[in-house]
């Protein structure tokens, strides 16, 4: 039986890490306008992949996930992707999410969803603030005093979808159970909790809207696309490591997911989490009901170190 490695080392791609601290859509545009910068990023990624450590146990987990990801991509609905120059690109189509206005703030909408799901809301939602300098759209940041949710609110349901995903991370991190907090199982379970609460919680919100049938269908397609991309990026990265053939599908990789352009290793987490929550996301949401600190974490102090959970 394959043992589970204690740690999954994430290899940073510094050029991508610096670039994607802003919106990854803007980062993609920057790369398109600057071919030299794109070539340097790809070269740095190739070096990072070559240096990425893989233990024998981790290789076995990767190979098992390769089979699961191939099977998942064959059964999921066709990707709901944006178009650019008549080509599908790996940015999920979400204009419809931005077309639905929230009746209140994203935080208050999330609070109502969490209460309906019998999930704790006070600690997580008390920490929500905008990302420093505009930053990425959503992160759950670890600080010296606990965790904070960094998310923007543009007044549409797109903000709510992002926030619910981050609340899933927060609730899992608040009470992850025994074991190392930087271990591979921890990473996967946290991502699965975020994917599950995002899917179940947002569907619950849509179910209360008038004429919700088409909206829920679009949301299910959105989630399938997200899962498909999780498996696609993992297979692409595994192929770079020489573990498998690349996926047969091709995408315009100028439109990078920020994690693909800034780290090596986390694509496994996304794919494994998608597999973990695929059939019964409601069960993962139920497990979060007792996961909350007694009091909200203190606010992050200036200069306090922060690391991100995607």
C-alpha atoms as a PDB file:
ATOM      1  CA  UNK A   1       0.000   0.000   0.000  1.00  0.00           C
ATOM      2  CA  UNK A   2       1.327   3.412  -0.926  1.00  0.00           C
ATOM      3  CA  UNK A   3       2.176   5.569   2.068  1.00  0.00           C
ATOM      4  CA  UNK A   4       1.200   9.221   2.036  1.00  0.00           C
ATOM      5  CA  UNK A   5       4.211  11.575   1.994  1.00  0.00           C
ATOM      6  CA  UNK A   6       4.212  14.001   4.879  1.00  0.00           C
ATOM      7  CA  UNK A   7       5.077  17.000   2.745  1.00  0.00           C
ATOM      8  CA  UNK A   8       4.409  18.254  -0.741  1.00  0.00           C
ATOM      9  CA  UNK A   9       7.087  20.795  -1.527  1.00  0.00           C
ATOM     10  CA  UNK A  10       5.893  23.642  -3.709  1.00  0.00           C
ATOM     11  CA  UNK A  11       8.584  25.049  -6.003  1.00  0.00           C
ATOM     12  CA  UNK A  12       8.163  28.768  -6.581  1.00  0.00           C
ATOM     13  CA  UNK A  13       8.481  30.319 -10.019  1.00  0.00           C
ATOM     14  CA  UNK A  14       9.627  33.754  -8.916  1.00  0.00           C
ATOM     15  CA  UNK A  15       8.881  35.651 -12.136  1.00  0.00           C
ATOM     16  CA  UNK A  16       5.341  34.282 -12.188  1.00  0.00           C
ATOM     17  CA  UNK A  17       4.896  34.778  -8.442  1.00  0.00           C
ATOM     18  CA  UNK A  18       5.754  38.469  -8.786  1.00  0.00           C
ATOM     19  CA  UNK A  19       3.602  38.916 -11.901  1.00  0.00           C
ATOM     20  CA  UNK A  20       0.495  37.192 -10.577  1.00  0.00           C
ATOM     21  CA  UNK A  21       0.255  39.192  -7.372  1.00  0.00           C
ATOM     22  CA  UNK A  22      -2.084  41.318  -9.468  1.00  0.00           C
ATOM     23  CA  UNK A  23      -5.073  40.086 -11.479  1.00  0.00           C
ATOM     24  CA  UNK A  24      -4.048  37.063 -13.534  1.00  0.00           C
ATOM     25  CA  UNK A  25      -6.134  38.396 -16.424  1.00  0.00           C
ATOM     26  CA  UNK A  26      -3.969  41.517 -16.434  1.00  0.00           C
ATOM     27  CA  UNK A  27      -0.879  39.327 -16.046  1.00  0.00           C
ATOM     28  CA  UNK A  28      -1.896  37.331 -19.120  1.00  0.00           C
ATOM     29  CA  UNK A  29      -2.337  40.537 -21.099  1.00  0.00           C
ATOM     30  CA  UNK A  30       1.098  41.694 -19.980  1.00  0.00           C
ATOM     31  CA  UNK A  31       2.634  38.457 -21.235  1.00  0.00           C
ATOM     32  CA  UNK A  32       0.826  38.703 -24.563  1.00  0.00           C
ATOM     33  CA  UNK A  33       2.141  42.229 -25.077  1.00  0.00           C
ATOM     34  CA  UNK A  34       5.690  41.306 -24.031  1.00  0.00           C
ATOM     35  CA  UNK A  35       6.902  38.139 -25.810  1.00  0.00           C
ATOM     36  CA  UNK A  36      10.344  38.446 -24.227  1.00  0.00           C
ATOM     37  CA  UNK A  37       8.874  38.424 -20.727  1.00  0.00           C
ATOM     38  CA  UNK A  38       6.764  35.387 -21.636  1.00  0.00           C
ATOM     39  CA  UNK A  39       9.831  33.529 -22.931  1.00  0.00           C
ATOM     40  CA  UNK A  40      11.675  34.279 -19.680  1.00  0.00           C
ATOM     41  CA  UNK A  41       8.740  33.003 -17.628  1.00  0.00           C
ATOM     42  CA  UNK A  42       8.592  29.738 -19.597  1.00  0.00           C
ATOM     43  CA  UNK A  43      12.347  29.298 -19.191  1.00  0.00           C
ATOM     44  CA  UNK A  44      12.092  29.835 -15.438  1.00  0.00           C
ATOM     45  CA  UNK A  45       9.187  27.386 -15.269  1.00  0.00           C
ATOM     46  CA  UNK A  46      11.232  24.729 -17.078  1.00  0.00           C
ATOM     47  CA  UNK A  47      14.038  25.191 -14.559  1.00  0.00           C
ATOM     48  CA  UNK A  48      11.571  24.990 -11.652  1.00  0.00           C
ATOM     49  CA  UNK A  49      10.054  21.761 -13.010  1.00  0.00           C
ATOM     50  CA  UNK A  50      13.510  20.206 -13.346  1.00  0.00           C
ATOM     51  CA  UNK A  51      14.320  21.095  -9.741  1.00  0.00           C
ATOM     52  CA  UNK A  52      10.971  20.035  -8.285  1.00  0.00           C
ATOM     53  CA  UNK A  53      11.484  17.248  -5.699  1.00  0.00           C
ATOM     54  CA  UNK A  54       9.389  14.069  -6.035  1.00  0.00           C
ATOM     55  CA  UNK A  55       9.858  11.233  -3.576  1.00  0.00           C
ATOM     56  CA  UNK A  56       9.078   7.664  -4.626  1.00  0.00           C
ATOM     57  CA  UNK A  57       5.845   7.735  -2.584  1.00  0.00           C
ATOM     58  CA  UNK A  58       4.808  11.017  -4.159  1.00  0.00           C
ATOM     59  CA  UNK A  59       5.473   9.653  -7.631  1.00  0.00           C
ATOM     60  CA  UNK A  60       3.064   6.817  -6.888  1.00  0.00           C
ATOM     61  CA  UNK A  61       0.394   9.292  -5.784  1.00  0.00           C
ATOM     62  CA  UNK A  62       0.951  11.320  -8.942  1.00  0.00           C
ATOM     63  CA  UNK A  63       0.586   8.239 -11.132  1.00  0.00           C
ATOM     64  CA  UNK A  64      -2.644   7.236  -9.383  1.00  0.00           C
ATOM     65  CA  UNK A  65      -4.022  10.746  -9.863  1.00  0.00           C
ATOM     66  CA  UNK A  66      -3.051  10.689 -13.534  1.00  0.00           C
ATOM     67  CA  UNK A  67      -5.478   7.807 -14.080  1.00  0.00           C
ATOM     68  CA  UNK A  68      -8.217   9.526 -12.062  1.00  0.00           C
ATOM     69  CA  UNK A  69      -7.744  12.823 -13.896  1.00  0.00           C
ATOM     70  CA  UNK A  70      -7.853  11.206 -17.321  1.00  0.00           C
ATOM     71  CA  UNK A  71     -11.069   9.416 -16.392  1.00  0.00           C
ATOM     72  CA  UNK A  72     -12.590  12.619 -14.979  1.00  0.00           C
ATOM     73  CA  UNK A  73     -11.835  14.658 -18.090  1.00  0.00           C
ATOM     74  CA  UNK A  74     -13.520  11.989 -20.206  1.00  0.00           C
ATOM     75  CA  UNK A  75     -16.753  12.150 -18.196  1.00  0.00           C
ATOM     76  CA  UNK A  76     -17.088  15.838 -17.324  1.00  0.00           C
ATOM     77  CA  UNK A  77     -19.152  18.135 -19.516  1.00  0.00           C
ATOM     78  CA  UNK A  78     -17.262  20.047 -22.216  1.00  0.00           C
ATOM     79  CA  UNK A  79     -15.479  23.075 -20.756  1.00  0.00           C
ATOM     80  CA  UNK A  80     -17.363  26.359 -20.499  1.00  0.00           C
ATOM     81  CA  UNK A  81     -14.434  28.580 -21.482  1.00  0.00           C
ATOM     82  CA  UNK A  82     -14.012  32.140 -22.645  1.00  0.00           C
ATOM     83  CA  UNK A  83     -13.106  32.801 -26.272  1.00  0.00           C
ATOM     84  CA  UNK A  84     -10.239  34.857 -27.588  1.00  0.00           C
ATOM     85  CA  UNK A  85      -9.447  35.230 -31.301  1.00  0.00           C
ATOM     86  CA  UNK A  86     -11.800  32.329 -32.016  1.00  0.00           C
ATOM     87  CA  UNK A  87      -9.967  30.020 -29.611  1.00  0.00           C
ATOM     88  CA  UNK A  88     -11.119  28.629 -26.259  1.00  0.00           C
ATOM     89  CA  UNK A  89      -8.869  29.839 -23.451  1.00  0.00           C
ATOM     90  CA  UNK A  90      -8.525  28.513 -19.878  1.00  0.00           C
ATOM     91  CA  UNK A  91     -10.488  31.261 -18.188  1.00  0.00           C
ATOM     92  CA  UNK A  92     -13.918  30.083 -17.103  1.00  0.00           C
ATOM     93  CA  UNK A  93     -16.794  31.990 -18.685  1.00  0.00           C
ATOM     94  CA  UNK A  94     -18.425  33.867 -15.835  1.00  0.00           C
ATOM     95  CA  UNK A  95     -20.094  36.884 -17.404  1.00  0.00           C
ATOM     96  CA  UNK A  96     -23.436  35.509 -16.231  1.00  0.00           C
ATOM     97  CA  UNK A  97     -22.158  35.544 -12.635  1.00  0.00           C
ATOM     98  CA  UNK A  98     -21.351  39.227 -12.948  1.00  0.00           C
ATOM     99  CA  UNK A  99     -24.767  39.928 -14.431  1.00  0.00           C
ATOM    100  CA  UNK A 100     -26.591  38.922 -11.221  1.00  0.00           C
ATOM    101  CA  UNK A 101     -26.522  41.690  -8.634  1.00  0.00           C
ATOM    102  CA  UNK A 102     -26.417  40.873  -4.936  1.00  0.00           C
ATOM    103  CA  UNK A 103     -29.236  42.261  -2.828  1.00  0.00           C
ATOM    104  CA  UNK A 104     -26.733  43.034  -0.083  1.00  0.00           C
ATOM    105  CA  UNK A 105     -22.978  42.745   0.426  1.00  0.00           C
ATOM    106  CA  UNK A 106     -21.121  39.538  -0.407  1.00  0.00           C
ATOM    107  CA  UNK A 107     -20.374  39.062   3.299  1.00  0.00           C
ATOM    108  CA  UNK A 108     -24.036  39.309   4.289  1.00  0.00           C
ATOM    109  CA  UNK A 109     -25.087  37.030   1.427  1.00  0.00           C
ATOM    110  CA  UNK A 110     -22.475  34.501   2.552  1.00  0.00           C
ATOM    111  CA  UNK A 111     -23.694  34.796   6.143  1.00  0.00           C
ATOM    112  CA  UNK A 112     -27.219  33.843   5.080  1.00  0.00           C
ATOM    113  CA  UNK A 113     -25.922  30.838   3.122  1.00  0.00           C
ATOM    114  CA  UNK A 114     -23.768  29.635   6.024  1.00  0.00           C
ATOM    115  CA  UNK A 115     -26.649  29.897   8.478  1.00  0.00           C
ATOM    116  CA  UNK A 116     -28.876  27.901   6.112  1.00  0.00           C
ATOM    117  CA  UNK A 117     -26.201  25.207   5.921  1.00  0.00           C
ATOM    118  CA  UNK A 118     -25.773  25.266   9.733  1.00  0.00           C
ATOM    119  CA  UNK A 119     -22.157  26.363   9.362  1.00  0.00           C
ATOM    120  CA  UNK A 120     -20.362  28.787  11.711  1.00  0.00           C
ATOM    121  CA  UNK A 121     -20.105  32.241  10.198  1.00  0.00           C
ATOM    122  CA  UNK A 122     -18.861  34.737  12.779  1.00  0.00           C
ATOM    123  CA  UNK A 123     -15.139  33.925  12.896  1.00  0.00           C
ATOM    124  CA  UNK A 124     -14.639  33.555   9.152  1.00  0.00           C
ATOM    125  CA  UNK A 125     -16.638  36.571   7.998  1.00  0.00           C
ATOM    126  CA  UNK A 126     -15.158  38.846  10.677  1.00  0.00           C
ATOM    127  CA  UNK A 127     -11.782  38.508   8.945  1.00  0.00           C
ATOM    128  CA  UNK A 128     -12.811  39.429   5.386  1.00  0.00           C
ATOM    129  CA  UNK A 129     -10.928  42.339   3.869  1.00  0.00           C
ATOM    130  CA  UNK A 130      -9.801  43.487   0.434  1.00  0.00           C
ATOM    131  CA  UNK A 131      -6.502  42.094  -0.881  1.00  0.00           C
ATOM    132  CA  UNK A 132      -3.576  44.486  -0.311  1.00  0.00           C
ATOM    133  CA  UNK A 133      -3.028  46.700  -3.327  1.00  0.00           C
ATOM    134  CA  UNK A 134      -5.921  45.108  -5.205  1.00  0.00           C
ATOM    135  CA  UNK A 135      -4.037  41.824  -5.451  1.00  0.00           C
ATOM    136  CA  UNK A 136      -5.479  38.467  -6.506  1.00  0.00           C
ATOM    137  CA  UNK A 137      -9.231  38.047  -6.385  1.00  0.00           C
ATOM    138  CA  UNK A 138      -9.351  35.763  -3.371  1.00  0.00           C
ATOM    139  CA  UNK A 139      -7.009  34.171  -0.837  1.00  0.00           C
ATOM    140  CA  UNK A 140      -7.108  32.677   2.626  1.00  0.00           C
ATOM    141  CA  UNK A 141      -3.955  34.040   4.241  1.00  0.00           C
ATOM    142  CA  UNK A 142      -2.126  32.593   7.206  1.00  0.00           C
ATOM    143  CA  UNK A 143      -0.774  35.223   9.565  1.00  0.00           C
ATOM    144  CA  UNK A 144       1.019  35.203  12.885  1.00  0.00           C
ATOM    145  CA  UNK A 145      -2.351  35.464  14.636  1.00  0.00           C
ATOM    146  CA  UNK A 146      -4.543  33.102  12.633  1.00  0.00           C
ATOM    147  CA  UNK A 147      -6.173  33.252   9.213  1.00  0.00           C
ATOM    148  CA  UNK A 148      -7.724  36.025   7.176  1.00  0.00           C
ATOM    149  CA  UNK A 149      -9.884  35.974   4.050  1.00  0.00           C
ATOM    150  CA  UNK A 150      -8.804  38.394   1.330  1.00  0.00           C
ATOM    151  CA  UNK A 151     -11.592  38.939  -1.178  1.00  0.00           C
ATOM    152  CA  UNK A 152     -13.119  41.742  -3.200  1.00  0.00           C
ATOM    153  CA  UNK A 153     -16.807  42.628  -3.427  1.00  0.00           C
ATOM    154  CA  UNK A 154     -17.960  43.975  -6.779  1.00  0.00           C
ATOM    155  CA  UNK A 155     -21.650  43.793  -5.855  1.00  0.00           C
ATOM    156  CA  UNK A 156     -22.344  40.729  -8.008  1.00  0.00           C
ATOM    157  CA  UNK A 157     -22.693  37.024  -7.335  1.00  0.00           C
ATOM    158  CA  UNK A 158     -19.184  36.501  -8.714  1.00  0.00           C
ATOM    159  CA  UNK A 159     -17.885  37.950  -5.432  1.00  0.00           C
ATOM    160  CA  UNK A 160     -20.102  35.622  -3.428  1.00  0.00           C
ATOM    161  CA  UNK A 161     -18.862  32.550  -5.296  1.00  0.00           C
ATOM    162  CA  UNK A 162     -15.242  33.486  -4.569  1.00  0.00           C
ATOM    163  CA  UNK A 163     -15.982  34.301  -0.927  1.00  0.00           C
ATOM    164  CA  UNK A 164     -17.737  30.991  -0.245  1.00  0.00           C
ATOM    165  CA  UNK A 165     -14.729  29.131  -1.656  1.00  0.00           C
ATOM    166  CA  UNK A 166     -12.415  31.015   0.705  1.00  0.00           C
ATOM    167  CA  UNK A 167     -14.726  30.420   3.677  1.00  0.00           C
ATOM    168  CA  UNK A 168     -14.370  26.693   2.953  1.00  0.00           C
ATOM    169  CA  UNK A 169     -10.598  27.080   3.292  1.00  0.00           C
ATOM    170  CA  UNK A 170     -10.998  29.117   6.474  1.00  0.00           C
ATOM    171  CA  UNK A 171     -13.321  26.658   8.200  1.00  0.00           C
ATOM    172  CA  UNK A 172     -11.062  23.728   7.378  1.00  0.00           C
ATOM    173  CA  UNK A 173      -7.936  25.566   8.527  1.00  0.00           C
ATOM    174  CA  UNK A 174      -9.656  26.561  11.780  1.00  0.00           C
ATOM    175  CA  UNK A 175      -9.890  22.914  12.844  1.00  0.00           C
ATOM    176  CA  UNK A 176      -7.919  20.652  10.489  1.00  0.00           C
ATOM    177  CA  UNK A 177      -7.614  17.749  12.941  1.00  0.00           C
ATOM    178  CA  UNK A 178      -4.401  15.866  13.770  1.00  0.00           C
ATOM    179  CA  UNK A 179      -1.451  15.726  11.438  1.00  0.00           C
ATOM    180  CA  UNK A 180       0.963  18.232   9.891  1.00  0.00           C
ATOM    181  CA  UNK A 181      -0.582  21.493   8.753  1.00  0.00           C
ATOM    182  CA  UNK A 182       1.718  21.659   5.731  1.00  0.00           C
ATOM    183  CA  UNK A 183       1.265  18.020   4.687  1.00  0.00           C
ATOM    184  CA  UNK A 184      -0.037  16.817   1.360  1.00  0.00           C
ATOM    185  CA  UNK A 185      -3.250  15.448   2.895  1.00  0.00           C
ATOM    186  CA  UNK A 186      -3.838  18.809   4.577  1.00  0.00           C
ATOM    187  CA  UNK A 187      -3.445  20.716   1.314  1.00  0.00           C
ATOM    188  CA  UNK A 188      -5.827  18.388  -0.529  1.00  0.00           C
ATOM    189  CA  UNK A 189      -8.472  18.341   2.198  1.00  0.00           C
ATOM    190  CA  UNK A 190      -8.423  22.138   2.517  1.00  0.00           C
ATOM    191  CA  UNK A 191      -8.852  22.586  -1.234  1.00  0.00           C
ATOM    192  CA  UNK A 192     -11.608  19.971  -1.320  1.00  0.00           C
ATOM    193  CA  UNK A 193     -13.442  21.774   1.501  1.00  0.00           C
ATOM    194  CA  UNK A 194     -13.211  25.045  -0.431  1.00  0.00           C
ATOM    195  CA  UNK A 195     -14.422  23.495  -3.688  1.00  0.00           C
ATOM    196  CA  UNK A 196     -17.274  21.725  -1.910  1.00  0.00           C
ATOM    197  CA  UNK A 197     -18.562  24.740   0.030  1.00  0.00           C
ATOM    198  CA  UNK A 198     -18.232  26.908  -3.042  1.00  0.00           C
ATOM    199  CA  UNK A 199     -20.297  24.493  -5.094  1.00  0.00           C
ATOM    200  CA  UNK A 200     -22.950  23.594  -2.515  1.00  0.00           C
ATOM    201  CA  UNK A 201     -23.232  27.016  -0.898  1.00  0.00           C
ATOM    202  CA  UNK A 202     -23.562  28.975  -4.116  1.00  0.00           C
ATOM    203  CA  UNK A 203     -26.080  26.506  -5.507  1.00  0.00           C
ATOM    204  CA  UNK A 204     -28.106  27.009  -2.320  1.00  0.00           C
ATOM    205  CA  UNK A 205     -28.011  30.773  -2.889  1.00  0.00           C
ATOM    206  CA  UNK A 206     -29.146  30.411  -6.510  1.00  0.00           C
ATOM    207  CA  UNK A 207     -31.976  28.067  -5.500  1.00  0.00           C
ATOM    208  CA  UNK A 208     -33.632  30.942  -3.615  1.00  0.00           C
ATOM    209  CA  UNK A 209     -33.648  33.264  -6.643  1.00  0.00           C
ATOM    210  CA  UNK A 210     -36.599  33.610  -9.031  1.00  0.00           C
ATOM    211  CA  UNK A 211     -36.390  31.448 -12.161  1.00  0.00           C
ATOM    212  CA  UNK A 212     -33.363  29.692 -10.722  1.00  0.00           C
ATOM    213  CA  UNK A 213     -33.365  26.634 -12.989  1.00  0.00           C
ATOM    214  CA  UNK A 214     -31.189  28.057 -15.764  1.00  0.00           C
ATOM    215  CA  UNK A 215     -28.854  29.754 -13.269  1.00  0.00           C
ATOM    216  CA  UNK A 216     -28.279  26.476 -11.423  1.00  0.00           C
ATOM    217  CA  UNK A 217     -27.634  24.715 -14.724  1.00  0.00           C
ATOM    218  CA  UNK A 218     -25.013  27.319 -15.609  1.00  0.00           C
ATOM    219  CA  UNK A 219     -23.456  26.961 -12.167  1.00  0.00           C
ATOM    220  CA  UNK A 220     -23.215  23.176 -12.509  1.00  0.00           C
ATOM    221  CA  UNK A 221     -21.520  23.691 -15.881  1.00  0.00           C
ATOM    222  CA  UNK A 222     -19.180  26.256 -14.336  1.00  0.00           C
ATOM    223  CA  UNK A 223     -18.163  23.785 -11.613  1.00  0.00           C
ATOM    224  CA  UNK A 224     -17.617  21.028 -14.180  1.00  0.00           C
ATOM    225  CA  UNK A 225     -15.388  23.391 -16.142  1.00  0.00           C
ATOM    226  CA  UNK A 226     -13.429  24.236 -13.002  1.00  0.00           C
ATOM    227  CA  UNK A 227     -12.889  20.532 -12.287  1.00  0.00           C
ATOM    228  CA  UNK A 228     -11.940  19.845 -15.915  1.00  0.00           C
ATOM    229  CA  UNK A 229      -9.333  22.586 -15.781  1.00  0.00           C
ATOM    230  CA  UNK A 230      -7.999  21.280 -12.464  1.00  0.00           C
ATOM    231  CA  UNK A 231      -7.371  17.910 -14.084  1.00  0.00           C
ATOM    232  CA  UNK A 232      -6.061  19.470 -17.306  1.00  0.00           C
ATOM    233  CA  UNK A 233      -3.464  21.585 -15.535  1.00  0.00           C
ATOM    234  CA  UNK A 234      -2.366  18.650 -13.382  1.00  0.00           C
ATOM    235  CA  UNK A 235      -1.883  16.403 -16.402  1.00  0.00           C
ATOM    236  CA  UNK A 236       0.000  19.193 -18.162  1.00  0.00           C
ATOM    237  CA  UNK A 237       2.313  19.607 -15.175  1.00  0.00           C
ATOM    238  CA  UNK A 238       2.757  15.847 -14.728  1.00  0.00           C
ATOM    239  CA  UNK A 239       3.737  15.632 -18.403  1.00  0.00           C
ATOM    240  CA  UNK A 240       6.342  18.357 -17.842  1.00  0.00           C
ATOM    241  CA  UNK A 241       7.786  16.152 -15.087  1.00  0.00           C
ATOM    242  CA  UNK A 242       7.989  13.224 -17.467  1.00  0.00           C
ATOM    243  CA  UNK A 243       5.314  11.190 -15.665  1.00  0.00           C
ATOM    244  CA  UNK A 244       2.798  10.908 -18.517  1.00  0.00           C
ATOM    245  CA  UNK A 245       1.909  12.081 -21.986  1.00  0.00           C
ATOM    246  CA  UNK A 246       0.371  15.561 -22.119  1.00  0.00           C
ATOM    247  CA  UNK A 247      -3.434  15.794 -22.269  1.00  0.00           C
ATOM    248  CA  UNK A 248      -4.809  15.599 -25.818  1.00  0.00           C
ATOM    249  CA  UNK A 249      -6.600  18.928 -25.453  1.00  0.00           C
ATOM    250  CA  UNK A 250      -4.761  22.172 -26.118  1.00  0.00           C
ATOM    251  CA  UNK A 251      -5.410  25.603 -24.639  1.00  0.00           C
ATOM    252  CA  UNK A 252      -3.876  29.002 -25.203  1.00  0.00           C
ATOM    253  CA  UNK A 253      -1.492  28.906 -22.251  1.00  0.00           C
ATOM    254  CA  UNK A 254      -0.891  32.646 -22.380  1.00  0.00           C
ATOM    255  CA  UNK A 255      -4.048  32.736 -20.284  1.00  0.00           C
ATOM    256  CA  UNK A 256      -2.412  31.059 -17.335  1.00  0.00           C
ATOM    257  CA  UNK A 257      -3.986  30.079 -14.085  1.00  0.00           C
ATOM    258  CA  UNK A 258      -1.938  32.053 -11.579  1.00  0.00           C
ATOM    259  CA  UNK A 259      -0.786  28.957  -9.684  1.00  0.00           C
ATOM    260  CA  UNK A 260       0.432  27.280 -12.874  1.00  0.00           C
ATOM    261  CA  UNK A 261       2.605  30.295 -13.600  1.00  0.00           C
ATOM    262  CA  UNK A 262       3.877  30.791 -10.040  1.00  0.00           C
ATOM    263  CA  UNK A 263       4.410  27.357  -8.452  1.00  0.00           C
ATOM    264  CA  UNK A 264       5.097  23.748  -9.339  1.00  0.00           C
ATOM    265  CA  UNK A 265       3.270  21.079  -7.339  1.00  0.00           C
ATOM    266  CA  UNK A 266      -0.062  22.660  -6.467  1.00  0.00           C
ATOM    267  CA  UNK A 267      -1.771  21.373  -9.604  1.00  0.00           C
ATOM    268  CA  UNK A 268      -1.707  17.946  -7.950  1.00  0.00           C
ATOM    269  CA  UNK A 269      -3.616  19.432  -5.023  1.00  0.00           C
ATOM    270  CA  UNK A 270      -6.327  20.888  -7.249  1.00  0.00           C
ATOM    271  CA  UNK A 271      -6.765  17.622  -9.151  1.00  0.00           C
ATOM    272  CA  UNK A 272      -6.765  15.413  -6.065  1.00  0.00           C
ATOM    273  CA  UNK A 273      -9.225  17.749  -4.320  1.00  0.00           C
ATOM    274  CA  UNK A 274     -11.528  17.667  -7.349  1.00  0.00           C
ATOM    275  CA  UNK A 275     -11.466  13.869  -7.236  1.00  0.00           C
ATOM    276  CA  UNK A 276     -12.081  13.827  -3.471  1.00  0.00           C
ATOM    277  CA  UNK A 277     -15.200  16.004  -3.573  1.00  0.00           C
ATOM    278  CA  UNK A 278     -16.582  14.952  -6.969  1.00  0.00           C
ATOM    279  CA  UNK A 279     -19.385  12.600  -5.913  1.00  0.00           C
ATOM    280  CA  UNK A 280     -20.470  13.897  -2.494  1.00  0.00           C
ATOM    281  CA  UNK A 281     -19.538  17.556  -1.913  1.00  0.00           C
ATOM    282  CA  UNK A 282     -22.378  17.860   0.622  1.00  0.00           C
ATOM    283  CA  UNK A 283     -20.580  15.426   2.946  1.00  0.00           C
ATOM    284  CA  UNK A 284     -17.466  17.596   2.969  1.00  0.00           C
ATOM    285  CA  UNK A 285     -19.582  20.639   3.779  1.00  0.00           C
ATOM    286  CA  UNK A 286     -21.212  18.805   6.694  1.00  0.00           C
ATOM    287  CA  UNK A 287     -17.776  18.092   8.189  1.00  0.00           C
ATOM    288  CA  UNK A 288     -17.122  21.826   8.478  1.00  0.00           C
ATOM    289  CA  UNK A 289     -19.942  22.424  10.950  1.00  0.00           C
ATOM    290  CA  UNK A 290     -17.779  22.095  14.064  1.00  0.00           C
ATOM    291  CA  UNK A 291     -14.734  23.825  12.590  1.00  0.00           C
ATOM    292  CA  UNK A 292     -14.498  27.342  13.985  1.00  0.00           C
ATOM    293  CA  UNK A 293     -12.322  29.095  16.598  1.00  0.00           C
ATOM    294  CA  UNK A 294     -14.071  30.384  19.700  1.00  0.00           C
ATOM    295  CA  UNK A 295     -13.290  33.988  18.806  1.00  0.00           C
ATOM    296  CA  UNK A 296     -12.416  35.674  15.523  1.00  0.00           C
ATOM    297  CA  UNK A 297      -8.652  36.010  14.884  1.00  0.00           C
ATOM    298  CA  UNK A 298      -7.098  39.366  15.532  1.00  0.00           C
ATOM    299  CA  UNK A 299      -6.539  41.709  12.620  1.00  0.00           C
ATOM    300  CA  UNK A 300      -3.305  41.347  10.693  1.00  0.00           C
ATOM    301  CA  UNK A 301      -0.672  43.806  11.818  1.00  0.00           C
ATOM    302  CA  UNK A 302       1.384  45.757   9.334  1.00  0.00           C
ATOM    303  CA  UNK A 303       4.377  43.695   8.290  1.00  0.00           C
ATOM    304  CA  UNK A 304       2.934  40.434   9.586  1.00  0.00           C
ATOM    305  CA  UNK A 305       3.933  37.503   7.409  1.00  0.00           C
ATOM    306  CA  UNK A 306       1.164  36.091   5.224  1.00  0.00           C
ATOM    307  CA  UNK A 307       1.104  32.932   3.153  1.00  0.00           C
ATOM    308  CA  UNK A 308      -1.723  31.998   0.825  1.00  0.00           C
ATOM    309  CA  UNK A 309      -4.023  29.039   0.368  1.00  0.00           C
ATOM    310  CA  UNK A 310      -5.544  28.939  -3.107  1.00  0.00           C
END
